[in-house]
Amino acid sequence: MNLSKKSTCRFLESIKLEDGFFSALSYHQARIDETRQHFYPEAPTISLPLALMKQGKIPPKGLYKARVLYSESIEEIEFVPYKPREVATLKLIEATCDYAFKYEKRPVLNTLFQQKGKCDDILITQNGYLTDTTIANIALLKDGIWYTPEKPLLKGTKRAALLHHQLITEAQLHQDQLAEFEAIRLFNAMIEFGEIELPIRHIIR
């Protein structure tokens, strides 16, 4: 795929909306700007907060996922009641895939997910190095420090915020090093850091 050309795909931002408040809009705006600059460098800047406010009927109570679909412009916004997926076990899967941009459709990840067996999700490795699960970035605990893969499949907005606040540290994490760590956390725009934490033994080879 020639990434210098305009994409025929749509892109997605999933934003946490809780009791009428949108979380981390500056980080979502930054990723939209980066994506559109890559694929549509001549397109005018769009304001994510303004687009959300124009929706008019923002749910005032409860937890929702705001799904923002866009290409050259924002094309669709919907608010979906959010129920977290339970994740207690991860299956290690070696795969080569490119998900540097958050596309609306992700057939490769969906296909890989079918290999999870009895586990709840997969943890994708590339050349043995840990990347992401199908739904989240990860961090592993060692000696009081949370380490996150230096090269994830997707640089998530929560990951960007945690790095900015120095709550996680980038490192190359190989699957052969797993026994050196105490726990793994999954996090994304909808899952807070610490909300899903598993012992390392729950990562199945």
Protein backbone atom coordinates (compact mmCIF):
# COMPACT_ATOMS: atom_id res chain seq x y z
CA MET A 1 0.00 0.00 0.00
CA ASN A 2 1.39 3.38 -1.00
CA LEU A 3 0.75 5.56 2.04
CA SER A 4 1.65 8.72 0.13
CA LYS A 5 -1.62 8.46 -1.75
CA LYS A 6 -5.02 9.39 -0.41
CA SER A 7 -6.64 6.57 1.51
CA THR A 8 -9.91 5.10 0.30
CA CYS A 9 -10.59 3.91 3.87
CA ARG A 10 -12.21 5.78 6.70
CA PHE A 11 -10.51 6.31 10.03
CA LEU A 12 -11.92 6.00 13.53
CA GLU A 13 -11.49 7.79 16.83
CA SER A 14 -13.10 6.17 19.89
CA ILE A 15 -13.53 8.77 22.62
CA LYS A 16 -14.63 8.18 26.18
CA LEU A 17 -17.78 10.11 27.09
CA GLU A 18 -18.72 9.85 30.74
CA ASP A 19 -21.53 11.88 32.31
CA GLY A 20 -21.35 14.39 29.49
CA PHE A 21 -17.57 14.86 29.63
CA PHE A 22 -15.23 13.90 26.77
CA SER A 23 -11.84 12.56 27.86
CA ALA A 24 -8.44 13.40 26.36
CA LEU A 25 -9.73 15.42 23.41
CA SER A 26 -6.34 17.03 22.81
CA TYR A 27 -4.75 13.61 22.25
CA HIS A 28 -7.54 12.54 19.90
CA GLN A 29 -7.25 15.83 18.02
CA ALA A 30 -3.50 15.28 17.66
CA ARG A 31 -4.01 11.81 16.15
CA ILE A 32 -6.67 13.07 13.74
CA ASP A 33 -4.32 15.87 12.70
CA GLU A 34 -1.43 13.45 12.18
CA THR A 35 -3.56 11.01 10.16
CA ARG A 36 -5.08 13.70 7.95
CA GLN A 37 -1.71 15.38 7.44
CA HIS A 38 -0.36 12.04 6.20
CA PHE A 39 -3.20 11.19 3.83
CA TYR A 40 -4.71 14.62 3.07
CA PRO A 41 -1.92 17.17 3.54
CA GLU A 42 -3.78 19.91 1.66
CA ALA A 43 -7.07 19.52 3.54
CA PRO A 44 -7.99 22.27 6.01
CA THR A 45 -7.74 21.56 9.73
CA ILE A 46 -10.88 20.31 11.43
CA SER A 47 -11.82 20.90 15.07
CA LEU A 48 -12.82 17.75 16.92
CA PRO A 49 -14.37 19.59 19.94
CA LEU A 50 -16.44 21.78 17.62
CA ALA A 51 -17.64 18.77 15.63
CA LEU A 52 -18.69 16.99 18.83
CA MET A 53 -20.50 20.05 20.16
CA LYS A 54 -22.43 20.38 16.90
CA GLN A 55 -23.98 16.97 17.52
CA GLY A 56 -26.44 18.61 19.86
CA LYS A 57 -27.77 15.51 21.61
CA ILE A 58 -24.83 14.49 23.77
CA PRO A 59 -25.91 11.98 26.46
CA PRO A 60 -25.62 13.84 29.80
CA LYS A 61 -25.34 10.72 31.97
CA GLY A 62 -23.72 7.33 31.68
CA LEU A 63 -20.66 5.87 29.95
CA TYR A 64 -20.53 6.02 26.15
CA LYS A 65 -18.06 5.49 23.35
CA ALA A 66 -18.13 8.40 20.92
CA ARG A 67 -17.27 6.92 17.51
CA VAL A 68 -15.93 9.56 15.14
CA LEU A 69 -15.53 8.40 11.53
CA TYR A 70 -13.55 10.63 9.21
CA SER A 71 -11.47 10.90 6.06
CA GLU A 72 -10.82 14.34 4.56
CA SER A 73 -13.64 15.56 6.82
CA ILE A 74 -15.60 14.18 9.75
CA GLU A 75 -18.32 12.06 8.20
CA GLU A 76 -20.18 10.48 11.11
CA ILE A 77 -20.39 10.69 14.90
CA GLU A 78 -22.38 8.31 17.08
CA PHE A 79 -22.63 7.69 20.81
CA VAL A 80 -22.72 4.02 21.76
CA PRO A 81 -23.37 2.81 25.34
CA TYR A 82 -20.15 1.22 26.51
CA LYS A 83 -19.78 -2.11 28.24
CA PRO A 84 -16.17 -3.24 28.81
CA ARG A 85 -15.05 -6.58 27.45
CA GLU A 86 -13.81 -8.98 30.13
CA VAL A 87 -10.21 -10.04 29.57
CA ALA A 88 -8.60 -12.56 31.93
CA THR A 89 -6.29 -14.49 29.58
CA LEU A 90 -4.20 -13.66 26.50
CA LYS A 91 -2.92 -15.94 23.75
CA LEU A 92 0.48 -15.10 22.23
CA ILE A 93 0.18 -14.91 18.44
CA GLU A 94 3.08 -14.15 16.11
CA ALA A 95 1.96 -12.12 13.11
CA THR A 96 3.06 -9.52 10.60
CA CYS A 97 0.53 -6.73 10.26
CA ASP A 98 0.44 -2.97 9.79
CA TYR A 99 -1.96 -0.91 11.88
CA ALA A 100 -0.07 2.35 12.26
CA PHE A 101 -3.29 4.29 11.59
CA LYS A 102 -6.61 3.64 13.31
CA TYR A 103 -8.79 2.47 10.43
CA GLU A 104 -12.52 1.93 10.72
CA LYS A 105 -12.19 -1.60 9.36
CA ARG A 106 -9.45 -3.97 10.56
CA PRO A 107 -9.91 -7.37 8.88
CA VAL A 108 -6.39 -8.59 9.67
CA LEU A 109 -6.82 -8.09 13.41
CA ASN A 110 -10.28 -9.65 13.30
CA THR A 111 -8.84 -12.71 11.57
CA LEU A 112 -6.00 -13.00 14.09
CA PHE A 113 -8.52 -12.74 16.93
CA GLN A 114 -10.07 -16.03 15.75
CA GLN A 115 -6.86 -17.77 16.85
CA LYS A 116 -7.41 -16.94 20.53
CA GLY A 117 -8.68 -20.42 21.34
CA LYS A 118 -10.07 -20.48 24.89
CA CYS A 119 -8.38 -17.20 25.78
CA ASP A 120 -10.23 -13.89 25.90
CA ASP A 121 -7.93 -12.01 23.51
CA ILE A 122 -4.60 -12.29 21.75
CA LEU A 123 -1.27 -10.58 22.40
CA ILE A 124 0.43 -10.02 19.07
CA THR A 125 4.18 -10.41 18.67
CA GLN A 126 6.31 -9.38 15.70
CA ASN A 127 9.64 -11.19 15.43
CA GLY A 128 9.01 -12.24 19.02
CA TYR A 129 8.58 -8.69 20.34
CA LEU A 130 5.36 -7.77 22.13
CA THR A 131 3.08 -5.20 20.49
CA ASP A 132 -0.65 -4.92 21.37
CA THR A 133 -3.77 -6.94 21.96
CA THR A 134 -6.61 -6.51 19.46
CA ILE A 135 -8.25 -3.87 21.67
CA ALA A 136 -5.51 -2.26 23.73
CA ASN A 137 -1.95 -1.14 24.25
CA ILE A 138 -0.08 -2.94 27.02
CA ALA A 139 2.40 -2.30 29.82
CA LEU A 140 4.36 -4.83 31.88
CA LEU A 141 5.48 -4.35 35.49
CA LYS A 142 9.06 -4.93 36.66
CA ASP A 143 10.65 -3.51 39.83
CA GLY A 144 7.94 -0.90 40.22
CA ILE A 145 8.19 0.39 36.64
CA TRP A 146 5.58 -0.14 33.93
CA TYR A 147 7.17 -0.79 30.52
CA THR A 148 5.27 -0.45 27.25
CA PRO A 149 6.43 -1.77 23.86
CA GLU A 150 8.61 0.69 21.99
CA LYS A 151 6.91 -0.28 18.72
CA PRO A 152 3.21 -0.99 19.29
CA LEU A 153 0.88 -1.73 16.40
CA LEU A 154 -0.97 1.50 17.15
CA LYS A 155 0.17 4.45 19.24
CA GLY A 156 -2.96 4.93 21.31
CA THR A 157 -4.12 8.17 22.88
CA LYS A 158 -4.05 6.74 26.42
CA ARG A 159 -0.52 5.51 25.75
CA ALA A 160 0.49 9.00 24.62
CA ALA A 161 -0.96 10.52 27.81
CA LEU A 162 0.74 7.97 30.08
CA LEU A 163 4.09 8.57 28.38
CA HIS A 164 3.63 12.33 28.66
CA HIS A 165 3.01 12.03 32.40
CA GLN A 166 5.92 9.55 32.76
CA LEU A 167 3.70 6.80 34.14
CA ILE A 168 5.02 4.25 31.62
CA THR A 169 8.40 3.80 29.94
CA GLU A 170 9.11 2.60 26.40
CA ALA A 171 11.24 -0.51 25.96
CA GLN A 172 11.77 -3.44 23.62
CA LEU A 173 9.87 -6.32 25.21
CA HIS A 174 10.53 -9.83 23.90
CA GLN A 175 8.25 -12.76 24.66
CA ASP A 176 11.26 -14.64 26.05
CA GLN A 177 11.49 -11.98 28.79
CA LEU A 178 7.94 -12.48 30.06
CA ALA A 179 9.04 -14.43 33.14
CA GLU A 180 10.98 -11.35 34.32
CA PHE A 181 7.74 -9.35 34.74
CA GLU A 182 5.08 -9.44 37.43
CA ALA A 183 1.91 -8.28 35.69
CA ILE A 184 0.47 -6.88 32.48
CA ARG A 185 -2.02 -4.04 32.06
CA LEU A 186 -4.28 -3.40 29.09
CA PHE A 187 -5.43 0.14 28.37
CA ASN A 188 -6.97 2.28 25.66
CA ALA A 189 -9.16 5.36 25.32
CA MET A 190 -12.03 3.53 27.05
CA ILE A 191 -10.03 1.40 29.51
CA GLU A 192 -8.27 3.28 32.30
CA PHE A 193 -4.71 2.36 33.27
CA GLY A 194 -5.04 -0.26 36.01
CA GLU A 195 -8.62 -1.21 35.14
CA ILE A 196 -7.45 -4.47 33.51
CA GLU A 197 -4.40 -6.05 35.16
CA LEU A 198 -3.43 -9.70 34.76
CA PRO A 199 -0.65 -11.84 36.22
CA ILE A 200 1.98 -12.78 33.64
CA ARG A 201 1.04 -16.47 33.93
CA HIS A 202 -2.27 -15.59 32.24
CA ILE A 203 -0.38 -15.02 28.99
CA ILE A 204 -0.59 -18.37 27.19
CA ARG A 205 1.97 -19.48 24.62
